[in-house]
N, C-alpha and C. Protein backbone atom coordinates (compact mmCIF):
# COMPACT_ATOMS: atom_id res chain seq x y z
N UNK A 1 27.61 1.40 -6.48
CA UNK A 1 26.24 0.81 -6.47
C UNK A 1 25.51 1.74 -7.21
N UNK A 2 24.95 1.01 -8.31
CA UNK A 2 23.99 2.27 -9.22
C UNK A 2 22.68 2.52 -8.64
N UNK A 3 21.87 3.31 -9.09
CA UNK A 3 20.46 3.65 -8.73
C UNK A 3 19.65 2.38 -8.88
N UNK A 4 20.05 2.15 -10.12
CA UNK A 4 18.86 0.66 -10.32
C UNK A 4 19.30 -0.60 -9.40
N UNK A 5 20.77 -0.83 -9.03
CA UNK A 5 20.99 -1.97 -8.39
C UNK A 5 20.60 -1.66 -6.88
N UNK A 6 20.44 -0.30 -6.40
CA UNK A 6 19.83 -0.12 -5.02
C UNK A 6 18.48 -0.20 -5.22
N UNK A 7 17.82 -0.01 -6.27
CA UNK A 7 16.24 -0.18 -6.28
C UNK A 7 15.99 -1.74 -6.24
N UNK A 8 16.82 -2.34 -7.13
CA UNK A 8 16.49 -3.71 -7.38
C UNK A 8 16.85 -4.70 -5.98
N UNK A 9 17.66 -4.13 -5.13
CA UNK A 9 18.06 -4.71 -3.66
C UNK A 9 16.98 -4.36 -2.70
N UNK A 10 16.24 -3.20 -2.88
CA UNK A 10 15.31 -2.69 -1.81
C UNK A 10 14.15 -3.94 -1.56
N UNK A 11 13.71 -4.12 -0.54
CA UNK A 11 12.61 -4.93 -0.06
C UNK A 11 11.48 -4.33 0.65
N UNK A 12 10.31 -4.90 0.45
CA UNK A 12 9.01 -4.65 1.03
C UNK A 12 8.53 -5.65 1.40
N UNK A 13 7.62 -5.71 2.56
CA UNK A 13 6.79 -6.68 3.17
C UNK A 13 5.80 -7.24 2.45
N UNK A 14 5.68 -8.76 2.40
CA UNK A 14 4.78 -9.48 1.54
C UNK A 14 3.55 -9.30 1.24
N UNK A 15 2.94 -8.30 2.19
CA UNK A 15 1.40 -8.03 1.97
C UNK A 15 1.12 -7.35 0.83
N UNK A 16 2.11 -6.55 0.02
CA UNK A 16 1.71 -6.10 -1.33
C UNK A 16 1.51 -7.05 -2.36
N UNK A 17 2.04 -8.54 -2.16
CA UNK A 17 2.03 -9.31 -2.85
C UNK A 17 0.72 -10.53 -2.15
N UNK A 18 1.14 -10.94 -0.98
CA UNK A 18 0.09 -11.70 -0.65
C UNK A 18 -1.71 -10.89 -0.48
N UNK A 19 -1.73 -9.91 -0.01
CA UNK A 19 -3.05 -9.41 -0.10
C UNK A 19 -3.53 -9.20 -1.40
N UNK A 20 -2.85 -8.72 -2.06
CA UNK A 20 -3.55 -8.79 -3.71
C UNK A 20 -3.83 -10.18 -4.01
N UNK A 21 -3.03 -11.31 -3.72
CA UNK A 21 -3.46 -12.39 -4.32
C UNK A 21 -5.04 -12.90 -3.49
N UNK A 22 -4.89 -12.56 -2.64
CA UNK A 22 -6.19 -12.59 -1.67
C UNK A 22 -7.29 -11.98 -2.22
N UNK A 23 -7.13 -10.51 -2.44
CA UNK A 23 -8.07 -9.78 -3.06
C UNK A 23 -8.59 -10.49 -4.46
N UNK A 24 -7.46 -10.99 -5.55
CA UNK A 24 -7.93 -11.50 -6.44
C UNK A 24 -8.65 -12.89 -6.29
N UNK A 25 -8.61 -13.61 -5.48
CA UNK A 25 -9.20 -14.94 -5.27
C UNK A 25 -10.61 -14.69 -4.91
N UNK A 26 -11.07 -13.54 -3.99
CA UNK A 26 -12.13 -13.18 -3.62
C UNK A 26 -12.90 -12.36 -4.65
N UNK A 27 -12.24 -11.64 -5.42
CA UNK A 27 -13.24 -10.81 -6.35
C UNK A 27 -12.97 -11.35 -8.02
N UNK A 28 -12.15 -12.27 -8.52
CA UNK A 28 -11.86 -12.74 -9.50
C UNK A 28 -12.05 -14.34 -9.81
N UNK A 29 -11.41 -14.86 -8.83
CA UNK A 29 -11.70 -16.39 -8.96
C UNK A 29 -10.08 -16.65 -9.15
N UNK A 30 -9.83 -18.20 -8.95
CA UNK A 30 -8.59 -18.81 -8.95
C UNK A 30 -7.84 -18.53 -9.90
N UNK A 31 -8.68 -19.00 -11.48
CA UNK A 31 -7.87 -18.84 -12.72
C UNK A 31 -7.60 -17.21 -12.99
N UNK A 32 -8.14 -16.55 -12.87
CA UNK A 32 -7.83 -14.96 -13.25
C UNK A 32 -6.92 -14.73 -12.58
N UNK A 33 -6.79 -14.88 -11.00
CA UNK A 33 -5.49 -14.72 -10.35
C UNK A 33 -4.33 -15.28 -10.73
N UNK A 34 -4.16 -16.71 -11.06
CA UNK A 34 -3.20 -17.22 -11.57
C UNK A 34 -2.84 -16.66 -12.70
N UNK A 35 -3.38 -16.01 -13.60
CA UNK A 35 -3.42 -15.68 -14.93
C UNK A 35 -2.39 -14.55 -14.83
N UNK A 36 -2.98 -13.44 -13.81
CA UNK A 36 -2.25 -12.05 -13.55
C UNK A 36 -1.06 -12.35 -13.04
N UNK A 37 -0.46 -13.68 -12.07
CA UNK A 37 0.53 -13.54 -11.56
C UNK A 37 1.59 -14.16 -12.39
N UNK A 38 1.14 -15.14 -13.56
CA UNK A 38 1.99 -15.69 -14.19
C UNK A 38 2.27 -14.41 -15.37
N UNK A 39 1.46 -13.49 -15.75
CA UNK A 39 1.78 -12.35 -16.45
C UNK A 39 2.88 -11.76 -15.77
N UNK A 40 2.96 -11.49 -14.50
CA UNK A 40 3.79 -10.74 -13.82
C UNK A 40 5.31 -11.32 -13.29
N UNK A 41 5.15 -12.75 -13.99
CA UNK A 41 6.61 -13.56 -13.83
C UNK A 41 6.54 -14.06 -12.36
N UNK A 42 5.61 -14.20 -11.42
CA UNK A 42 5.50 -14.26 -10.27
C UNK A 42 4.56 -15.49 -9.74
N UNK A 43 4.45 -16.52 -10.87
CA UNK A 43 3.39 -17.72 -10.68
C UNK A 43 3.84 -18.40 -9.74
N UNK A 44 5.03 -18.34 -9.01
CA UNK A 44 5.30 -19.15 -7.83
C UNK A 44 4.89 -18.75 -6.62
N UNK A 45 4.46 -17.42 -6.59
CA UNK A 45 4.10 -17.04 -5.31
C UNK A 45 2.39 -17.12 -5.41
N UNK A 46 1.76 -17.86 -6.32
CA UNK A 46 0.40 -17.95 -6.33
C UNK A 46 -0.08 -18.91 -5.67
N UNK A 47 0.52 -20.00 -5.45
CA UNK A 47 0.21 -21.21 -4.47
C UNK A 47 1.18 -21.27 -3.39
N UNK A 48 2.20 -20.39 -3.54
CA UNK A 48 3.16 -20.62 -2.42
C UNK A 48 3.52 -19.15 -2.06
N UNK A 49 2.45 -18.26 -1.30
CA UNK A 49 2.80 -16.99 -0.98
C UNK A 49 4.05 -16.78 -0.36
N UNK A 50 4.61 -15.37 -0.53
CA UNK A 50 6.03 -15.17 0.17
C UNK A 50 5.70 -14.98 1.85
N UNK A 51 6.54 -15.48 2.45
CA UNK A 51 6.71 -15.21 3.94
C UNK A 51 7.63 -14.13 4.45
N UNK A 52 8.54 -13.80 3.83
CA UNK A 52 9.28 -12.93 4.10
C UNK A 52 9.37 -11.67 3.23
N UNK A 53 9.92 -10.78 3.69
CA UNK A 53 10.34 -9.38 2.64
C UNK A 53 10.44 -9.94 1.44
N UNK A 54 10.18 -9.20 0.28
CA UNK A 54 10.41 -9.40 -0.88
C UNK A 54 11.08 -8.40 -1.92
N UNK A 55 11.68 -8.67 -3.07
CA UNK A 55 12.25 -7.55 -3.65
C UNK A 55 11.15 -6.32 -4.27
N UNK A 56 11.35 -5.06 -4.02
CA UNK A 56 10.44 -4.40 -4.52
C UNK A 56 10.11 -4.32 -6.02
N UNK A 57 11.32 -4.92 -6.76
CA UNK A 57 10.94 -4.74 -8.25
C UNK A 57 9.92 -5.96 -8.61
N UNK A 58 9.59 -7.02 -7.64
CA UNK A 58 8.56 -7.77 -7.92
C UNK A 58 7.09 -7.42 -7.35
N UNK A 59 7.01 -6.21 -6.58
CA UNK A 59 5.90 -5.69 -6.12
C UNK A 59 5.78 -4.84 -7.42
N UNK A 60 6.48 -4.19 -7.90
CA UNK A 60 6.22 -3.23 -8.81
C UNK A 60 5.51 -4.14 -10.15
N UNK A 61 6.40 -5.14 -10.56
CA UNK A 61 5.93 -6.01 -11.72
C UNK A 61 4.57 -6.35 -11.63
N UNK A 62 4.16 -7.10 -10.16
CA UNK A 62 2.67 -7.43 -10.08
C UNK A 62 1.70 -6.10 -9.89
N UNK A 63 1.89 -5.03 -9.70
CA UNK A 63 0.83 -4.03 -9.53
C UNK A 63 0.66 -3.30 -11.04
N UNK A 64 1.94 -3.52 -11.59
CA UNK A 64 2.00 -3.00 -13.16
C UNK A 64 1.25 -4.09 -13.97
N UNK A 65 1.38 -5.20 -13.80
CA UNK A 65 0.44 -6.25 -14.56
C UNK A 65 -1.09 -5.99 -14.07
N UNK A 66 -1.36 -5.86 -12.95
CA UNK A 66 -2.73 -5.78 -12.44
C UNK A 66 -3.15 -4.42 -13.35
N UNK A 67 -2.39 -3.50 -13.52
CA UNK A 67 -3.09 -2.24 -14.52
C UNK A 67 -2.96 -2.81 -15.84
N UNK A 68 -2.35 -3.47 -16.44
CA UNK A 68 -2.23 -3.86 -17.68
C UNK A 68 -3.32 -4.75 -18.15
N UNK A 69 -3.50 -5.61 -17.18
CA UNK A 69 -4.57 -6.87 -17.08
C UNK A 69 -5.86 -6.68 -16.85
N UNK A 70 -6.24 -5.58 -16.12
CA UNK A 70 -7.56 -4.96 -15.79
C UNK A 70 -7.93 -3.57 -16.17
N UNK A 71 -9.19 -3.36 -16.64
CA UNK A 71 -9.39 -1.95 -17.08
C UNK A 71 -9.27 -1.16 -15.52
N UNK A 72 -9.09 0.10 -15.70
CA UNK A 72 -8.94 1.13 -14.41
C UNK A 72 -9.65 0.72 -13.21
N UNK A 73 -11.07 0.60 -13.54
CA UNK A 73 -11.96 0.65 -12.54
C UNK A 73 -11.78 -0.70 -11.62
N UNK A 74 -11.68 -1.81 -12.56
CA UNK A 74 -11.31 -2.93 -11.85
C UNK A 74 -10.09 -2.99 -11.32
N UNK A 75 -8.82 -2.52 -11.51
CA UNK A 75 -7.73 -2.56 -11.10
C UNK A 75 -7.65 -1.64 -9.73
N UNK A 76 -8.48 -0.45 -9.61
CA UNK A 76 -8.65 0.25 -8.58
C UNK A 76 -9.25 -0.70 -7.58
N UNK A 77 -10.22 -1.19 -7.96
CA UNK A 77 -11.24 -1.73 -6.90
C UNK A 77 -10.17 -3.11 -6.40
N UNK A 78 -9.59 -3.87 -7.09
CA UNK A 78 -8.77 -5.00 -6.69
C UNK A 78 -7.68 -4.33 -5.88
N UNK A 79 -6.93 -3.12 -5.98
CA UNK A 79 -5.80 -2.51 -5.32
C UNK A 79 -6.23 -2.07 -3.81
N UNK A 80 -7.54 -1.21 -3.96
CA UNK A 80 -8.16 -0.97 -2.75
C UNK A 80 -8.65 -2.10 -1.94
N UNK A 81 -8.84 -3.18 -2.40
CA UNK A 81 -9.36 -4.28 -1.55
C UNK A 81 -7.95 -4.98 -1.06
N UNK A 82 -6.86 -5.19 -1.90
CA UNK A 82 -5.49 -5.36 -0.98
C UNK A 82 -5.14 -4.56 0.19
N UNK A 83 -5.36 -3.48 -0.29
CA UNK A 83 -4.83 -2.47 0.77
C UNK A 83 -5.62 -2.57 2.11
N UNK A 84 -7.21 -2.51 1.74
CA UNK A 84 -7.91 -2.83 2.98
C UNK A 84 -7.60 -4.05 3.78
N UNK A 85 -7.46 -5.25 2.79
CA UNK A 85 -6.82 -6.43 3.60
C UNK A 85 -5.41 -6.22 4.41
N UNK A 86 -4.62 -5.56 3.68
CA UNK A 86 -3.30 -5.31 4.32
C UNK A 86 -3.45 -4.73 5.82
N UNK A 87 -4.48 -3.60 5.73
CA UNK A 87 -4.60 -2.99 7.08
C UNK A 87 -5.27 -4.04 7.77
N UNK A 88 -6.14 -4.64 7.64
CA UNK A 88 -6.82 -5.93 8.55
C UNK A 88 -5.55 -6.98 8.90
N UNK A 89 -4.53 -7.19 8.35
CA UNK A 89 -3.47 -7.89 8.66
C UNK A 89 -2.76 -7.23 9.87
N UNK A 90 -2.17 -6.14 9.50
CA UNK A 90 -1.41 -5.21 10.41
C UNK A 90 -2.09 -5.15 11.84
N UNK A 91 -3.36 -5.03 11.90
CA UNK A 91 -4.11 -4.66 13.06
C UNK A 91 -4.40 -5.87 13.70
N UNK A 92 -4.29 -7.17 13.06
CA UNK A 92 -4.16 -8.37 13.56
C UNK A 92 -3.01 -9.01 14.16
N UNK A 93 -1.85 -8.48 13.37
CA UNK A 93 -0.70 -9.21 13.63
C UNK A 93 0.47 -8.19 13.92
N UNK A 94 0.46 -6.90 13.65
CA UNK A 94 1.64 -6.21 13.83
C UNK A 94 1.45 -5.15 14.73
N UNK A 95 0.30 -4.60 15.00
CA UNK A 95 -0.01 -3.35 15.91
C UNK A 95 -0.16 -3.84 17.34
N UNK A 96 0.24 -3.79 18.23
CA UNK A 96 -0.06 -4.46 19.54
C UNK A 96 -1.38 -4.08 20.13
N UNK A 97 -2.07 -5.11 20.70
CA UNK A 97 -3.60 -4.60 21.20
C UNK A 97 -3.58 -3.82 22.18
N UNK A 98 -2.36 -3.80 23.00
CA UNK A 98 -2.55 -2.64 24.05
C UNK A 98 -2.66 -1.07 23.45
N UNK A 99 -1.48 -1.11 22.28
CA UNK A 99 -1.59 0.23 21.65
C UNK A 99 -2.87 0.62 20.97
N UNK A 100 -3.57 -0.38 20.39
CA UNK A 100 -4.72 -0.31 19.81
C UNK A 100 -5.89 0.21 20.73
N UNK A 101 -5.84 -0.54 21.81
CA UNK A 101 -6.84 -0.05 22.83
C UNK A 101 -6.68 1.51 23.15
N UNK A 102 -5.63 1.83 23.35
CA UNK A 102 -5.40 3.24 23.67
C UNK A 102 -5.54 4.35 22.40
N UNK A 103 -5.07 3.94 21.54
CA UNK A 103 -5.52 4.64 20.32
C UNK A 103 -6.95 5.13 20.14
N UNK A 104 -7.81 4.05 20.24
CA UNK A 104 -9.23 4.21 20.12
C UNK A 104 -9.53 4.68 21.34
N UNK A 105 -9.14 5.08 22.31
CA UNK A 105 -9.64 5.90 23.38
C UNK A 105 -9.14 7.52 23.28
N UNK A 106 -8.04 7.69 22.60
CA UNK A 106 -7.72 9.08 22.25
C UNK A 106 -8.51 9.94 21.82
N UNK A 107 -8.43 11.38 21.75
CA UNK A 107 -8.89 12.18 20.65
C UNK A 107 -8.33 11.92 19.51
N UNK A 108 -9.09 12.26 18.32
CA UNK A 108 -8.52 11.74 17.00
C UNK A 108 -7.29 12.31 16.56
N UNK A 109 -6.92 13.74 17.24
CA UNK A 109 -5.93 14.37 16.74
C UNK A 109 -4.77 13.90 17.33
N UNK A 110 -4.65 13.35 18.93
CA UNK A 110 -3.34 12.79 19.24
C UNK A 110 -3.44 11.45 18.93
N UNK A 111 -4.40 10.82 18.46
CA UNK A 111 -4.23 9.18 17.95
C UNK A 111 -3.84 9.36 16.75
N UNK A 112 -3.95 10.20 16.25
CA UNK A 112 -3.36 10.78 14.59
C UNK A 112 -1.85 10.64 14.60
N UNK A 113 -1.36 11.45 15.72
CA UNK A 113 -0.28 11.90 15.85
C UNK A 113 0.65 10.70 16.23
N UNK A 114 0.05 9.80 17.08
CA UNK A 114 0.85 8.68 17.61
C UNK A 114 0.77 7.45 16.46
N UNK A 115 -0.28 7.42 15.73
CA UNK A 115 -0.24 6.26 14.72
C UNK A 115 0.86 6.83 13.55
N UNK A 116 1.00 8.18 13.24
CA UNK A 116 1.67 8.46 12.11
C UNK A 116 3.15 8.21 12.70
N UNK A 117 3.38 8.50 14.05
CA UNK A 117 4.54 8.05 14.55
C UNK A 117 5.32 6.91 14.39
N UNK A 118 4.57 5.76 14.42
CA UNK A 118 4.57 4.48 14.36
C UNK A 118 4.76 3.94 12.55
N UNK A 119 3.51 4.60 11.92
CA UNK A 119 3.84 4.50 10.61
C UNK A 119 5.23 4.92 9.87
N UNK A 120 5.77 6.14 10.34
CA UNK A 120 7.23 6.48 9.93
C UNK A 120 8.20 5.61 10.48
N UNK A 121 8.02 5.01 11.67
CA UNK A 121 9.23 4.28 12.06
C UNK A 121 9.14 2.76 11.36
N UNK A 122 8.17 2.68 10.58
CA UNK A 122 7.98 1.14 9.96
C UNK A 122 7.76 1.50 8.25
N UNK A 123 8.07 2.45 7.69
CA UNK A 123 8.18 2.92 6.50
C UNK A 123 9.04 2.13 5.59
N UNK A 124 10.19 1.74 6.16
CA UNK A 124 10.96 0.95 5.30
C UNK A 124 10.16 -0.35 5.04
N UNK A 125 9.15 -0.83 5.77
CA UNK A 125 8.63 -2.03 5.27
C UNK A 125 7.65 -1.99 4.15
N UNK A 126 7.11 -0.72 3.76
CA UNK A 126 6.66 -0.68 2.58
C UNK A 126 6.77 0.26 1.48
N UNK A 127 7.91 1.22 1.60
CA UNK A 127 8.16 2.12 0.77
C UNK A 127 9.80 1.89 -0.03
N UNK A 128 10.11 0.64 0.24
CA UNK A 128 11.34 0.26 0.02
C UNK A 128 12.14 1.25 -0.44
N UNK A 129 12.85 1.37 -1.53
CA UNK A 129 14.01 2.38 -1.68
C UNK A 129 13.39 3.79 -1.67
N UNK A 130 11.96 4.08 -1.72
CA UNK A 130 11.44 5.28 -2.05
C UNK A 130 11.51 6.09 -0.38
N UNK A 131 11.31 7.25 -0.54
CA UNK A 131 11.45 8.02 0.65
C UNK A 131 9.71 8.28 1.15
N UNK A 132 9.68 8.31 2.65
CA UNK A 132 8.26 8.27 3.23
C UNK A 132 8.65 9.56 3.84
N UNK A 133 7.63 10.64 3.85
CA UNK A 133 7.45 11.53 4.79
C UNK A 133 6.08 11.85 4.84
N UNK A 134 5.92 12.36 6.25
CA UNK A 134 4.34 12.85 6.79
C UNK A 134 4.08 13.93 7.65
N UNK A 135 2.86 14.38 7.70
CA UNK A 135 2.97 15.55 8.57
C UNK A 135 1.48 15.26 9.35
N UNK A 136 1.54 15.48 10.58
CA UNK A 136 0.01 15.45 11.16
C UNK A 136 -0.80 16.76 11.19
N UNK A 137 -2.15 16.42 11.33
CA UNK A 137 -2.87 17.84 11.12
C UNK A 137 -4.07 17.40 10.62
N UNK A 138 -5.00 18.56 10.06
CA UNK A 138 -6.18 18.48 9.50
C UNK A 138 -6.10 19.03 8.00
N UNK A 139 -5.69 18.39 7.00
CA UNK A 139 -5.68 16.64 6.99
C UNK A 139 -4.35 16.58 7.43
N UNK A 140 -4.27 15.07 7.81
CA UNK A 140 -2.69 14.57 7.71
C UNK A 140 -2.17 14.17 6.67
N UNK A 141 -1.14 14.07 6.12
CA UNK A 141 -0.78 13.89 4.69
C UNK A 141 0.59 12.93 4.82
N UNK A 142 0.75 11.84 3.81
CA UNK A 142 1.64 11.18 3.62
C UNK A 142 2.31 11.27 2.28
N UNK A 143 3.82 11.35 2.32
CA UNK A 143 4.28 11.21 0.87
C UNK A 143 5.58 10.25 0.64
N UNK A 144 5.00 9.62 -0.65
CA UNK A 144 6.26 8.59 -0.96
C UNK A 144 6.88 9.34 -2.25
N UNK A 145 8.10 9.64 -2.21
CA UNK A 145 8.80 9.86 -3.45
C UNK A 145 9.78 8.44 -3.88
N UNK A 146 9.78 8.40 -5.23
CA UNK A 146 10.07 7.21 -6.00
C UNK A 146 9.20 6.19 -5.36
N UNK A 147 7.83 6.28 -5.60
CA UNK A 147 6.94 5.34 -5.12
C UNK A 147 7.17 3.60 -5.83
N UNK A 148 7.38 2.87 -5.20
CA UNK A 148 7.63 1.59 -5.83
C UNK A 148 6.25 1.12 -6.33
N UNK A 149 5.16 1.46 -6.14
CA UNK A 149 4.39 0.85 -6.69
C UNK A 149 3.79 1.41 -7.99
N UNK A 150 4.12 2.64 -8.34
CA UNK A 150 3.74 3.32 -9.84
C UNK A 150 4.86 3.71 -10.38
N UNK A 151 6.12 3.45 -10.06
CA UNK A 151 7.40 3.68 -10.48
C UNK A 151 7.42 3.47 -12.02
N UNK A 152 7.89 4.49 -12.87
CA UNK A 152 7.97 4.34 -14.19
C UNK A 152 6.57 4.46 -14.90
N UNK A 153 5.57 4.44 -14.29
CA UNK A 153 4.06 4.58 -15.10
C UNK A 153 3.81 5.98 -15.46
N UNK A 154 2.62 5.83 -16.35
CA UNK A 154 2.49 7.08 -16.93
C UNK A 154 0.54 6.98 -16.71
N UNK A 155 0.07 7.88 -16.29
CA UNK A 155 -1.21 7.80 -15.99
C UNK A 155 -1.90 8.91 -16.05
N UNK A 156 -3.37 9.30 -16.12
CA UNK A 156 -4.19 10.49 -16.34
C UNK A 156 -4.67 10.61 -14.74
N UNK A 157 -4.68 9.40 -13.96
CA UNK A 157 -5.13 9.52 -12.70
C UNK A 157 -4.22 8.58 -11.86
N UNK A 158 -4.32 9.11 -10.28
CA UNK A 158 -3.55 8.33 -9.70
C UNK A 158 -3.52 6.98 -9.39
N UNK A 159 -2.51 6.12 -8.97
CA UNK A 159 -2.49 4.88 -9.55
C UNK A 159 -2.06 4.21 -7.73
N UNK A 160 -1.98 4.76 -6.85
CA UNK A 160 -1.74 4.26 -5.87
C UNK A 160 -2.59 3.65 -4.80
N UNK A 161 -3.61 3.09 -5.09
CA UNK A 161 -5.05 3.03 -4.23
C UNK A 161 -4.34 1.97 -3.04
N UNK A 162 -3.45 0.95 -3.40
CA UNK A 162 -3.13 0.17 -2.39
C UNK A 162 -2.87 0.73 -0.88
N UNK A 163 -1.90 1.71 -1.57
CA UNK A 163 -1.57 2.55 -0.09
C UNK A 163 -2.53 3.29 0.52
N UNK A 164 -3.09 4.04 -0.44
CA UNK A 164 -4.30 4.78 0.31
C UNK A 164 -5.38 3.87 0.93
N UNK A 165 -5.72 2.81 0.49
CA UNK A 165 -6.71 1.84 1.18
C UNK A 165 -6.07 1.38 2.42
N UNK A 166 -4.74 0.79 2.61
CA UNK A 166 -4.17 0.65 4.06
C UNK A 166 -3.91 1.62 4.78
N UNK A 167 -3.82 3.05 4.33
CA UNK A 167 -3.61 3.88 5.39
C UNK A 167 -5.29 4.31 6.03
N UNK A 168 -6.07 4.33 5.23
CA UNK A 168 -7.71 4.47 5.00
C UNK A 168 -8.07 3.69 6.19
N UNK A 169 -7.64 2.36 6.18
CA UNK A 169 -8.20 1.25 7.02
C UNK A 169 -7.67 1.56 8.62
N UNK A 170 -6.23 1.62 8.54
CA UNK A 170 -5.58 1.95 9.99
C UNK A 170 -6.25 3.20 10.65
N UNK A 171 -6.45 4.29 9.74
CA UNK A 171 -6.99 5.35 10.45
C UNK A 171 -8.43 5.23 10.93
N UNK A 172 -9.09 4.51 10.08
CA UNK A 172 -10.65 4.25 10.51
C UNK A 172 -10.79 3.47 11.58
N UNK A 173 -9.91 2.48 11.98
CA UNK A 173 -10.15 1.66 12.94
C UNK A 173 -9.64 2.33 14.18
N UNK A 174 -8.44 2.81 14.10
CA UNK A 174 -7.39 3.31 15.23
C UNK A 174 -7.62 4.98 15.48
N UNK A 175 -8.26 5.84 14.55
CA UNK A 175 -8.20 7.06 14.65
C UNK A 175 -9.54 7.78 14.77
N UNK A 176 -10.49 7.46 13.63
CA UNK A 176 -11.64 7.82 13.53
C UNK A 176 -12.38 7.10 12.48
N UNK A 177 -13.93 6.72 12.65
CA UNK A 177 -14.54 5.85 11.49
C UNK A 177 -14.68 6.45 10.53
N UNK A 178 -14.80 7.69 10.47
CA UNK A 178 -15.19 8.49 9.44
C UNK A 178 -14.22 8.89 8.46
N UNK A 179 -12.76 8.59 8.58
CA UNK A 179 -11.71 8.91 7.89
C UNK A 179 -11.64 8.48 6.37
N UNK A 180 -11.59 9.35 5.47
CA UNK A 180 -11.00 9.03 4.26
C UNK A 180 -9.68 9.27 3.78
N UNK A 181 -9.30 8.53 2.89
CA UNK A 181 -7.61 8.67 2.52
C UNK A 181 -7.63 9.06 0.87
N UNK A 182 -7.31 9.92 0.25
CA UNK A 182 -7.30 10.13 -1.05
C UNK A 182 -5.80 10.42 -1.50
N UNK A 183 -5.51 9.75 -2.70
CA UNK A 183 -4.13 10.25 -3.32
C UNK A 183 -4.06 11.60 -4.21
N UNK A 184 -3.66 12.37 -3.53
CA UNK A 184 -3.97 13.73 -4.32
C UNK A 184 -2.95 14.30 -5.38
N UNK A 185 -1.68 13.61 -5.22
CA UNK A 185 -0.70 13.66 -6.29
C UNK A 185 -0.27 12.41 -6.77
N UNK A 186 0.07 12.34 -7.76
CA UNK A 186 0.83 10.75 -8.08
C UNK A 186 2.07 11.01 -9.21
N UNK A 187 3.14 10.32 -8.84
CA UNK A 187 4.15 10.42 -9.76
C UNK A 187 3.77 9.94 -11.12
N UNK A 188 2.77 9.01 -11.16
CA UNK A 188 2.31 8.65 -12.32
C UNK A 188 1.67 9.65 -13.35
N UNK A 189 1.06 10.89 -12.49
CA UNK A 189 0.66 11.82 -13.42
C UNK A 189 1.57 13.08 -13.67
N UNK A 190 2.79 12.59 -13.18
CA UNK A 190 3.87 14.00 -13.28
C UNK A 190 4.34 14.66 -12.09
N UNK A 191 3.76 14.25 -10.84
CA UNK A 191 4.02 15.03 -9.72
C UNK A 191 5.58 14.37 -9.45
N UNK A 192 6.27 15.07 -8.49
CA UNK A 192 7.64 14.83 -8.15
C UNK A 192 7.51 13.44 -6.95
N UNK A 193 6.15 13.27 -6.41
CA UNK A 193 6.05 12.27 -5.42
C UNK A 193 4.52 11.90 -5.31
N UNK A 194 4.18 10.84 -4.78
CA UNK A 194 2.90 10.49 -4.43
C UNK A 194 2.31 10.90 -3.21
N UNK A 195 1.51 11.72 -2.86
CA UNK A 195 0.76 12.41 -1.95
C UNK A 195 -0.48 11.92 -1.69
N UNK A 196 -0.96 11.39 -0.14
CA UNK A 196 -2.06 10.97 0.24
C UNK A 196 -2.53 11.93 1.35
N UNK A 197 -3.62 12.34 1.53
CA UNK A 197 -4.31 13.16 2.44
C UNK A 197 -5.46 12.30 3.43
N UNK A 198 -5.34 12.35 4.55
CA UNK A 198 -6.32 11.70 5.59
C UNK A 198 -7.37 12.83 5.98
N UNK A 199 -8.77 12.83 5.83
CA UNK A 199 -9.41 13.51 6.72
C UNK A 199 -10.38 12.78 7.32
N UNK A 200 -10.99 13.47 8.35
CA UNK A 200 -12.03 12.86 9.17
C UNK A 200 -12.66 14.10 9.62
């Protein structure tokens, strides 16, 4: 099987599409959001959001269209809002209440290690055919090689605000409320991987 067919067969959780749709509805309105989904060739998802894992190629098309259809500031705002909403979804539906209760009561250094372990175990749901690695510490860092959000893009600034905002939301709620997550290297800028640092 070729690398291209592996990439096209890889799947990602639907939040990368669903929560961007919700961000668009909230910040730009129905018509503008529907137009973006049409431009990405994903009009069917606008009124009928996916409920199962989706082909990572669809996620790449949608986030590429976002950057093409909006200026850099607006695209960043929308991607970060989609990431924040994804974090909220995971807190509401995917991370057990007991685990959340425990993490919030642990010292930040220990809570971050436990949360990072859980993120590693579930990386297949958001990294697709990319490779996720991470290291606990101050700062904590995450790395996605062959990132499915910016794959093939060229930019003078990092593009993976969706991931940064998702990580930031989880860490702010479960580790430390002052956490900030920044993308420090991006494949779109010529790096070999997209790297994110969480600091608190």
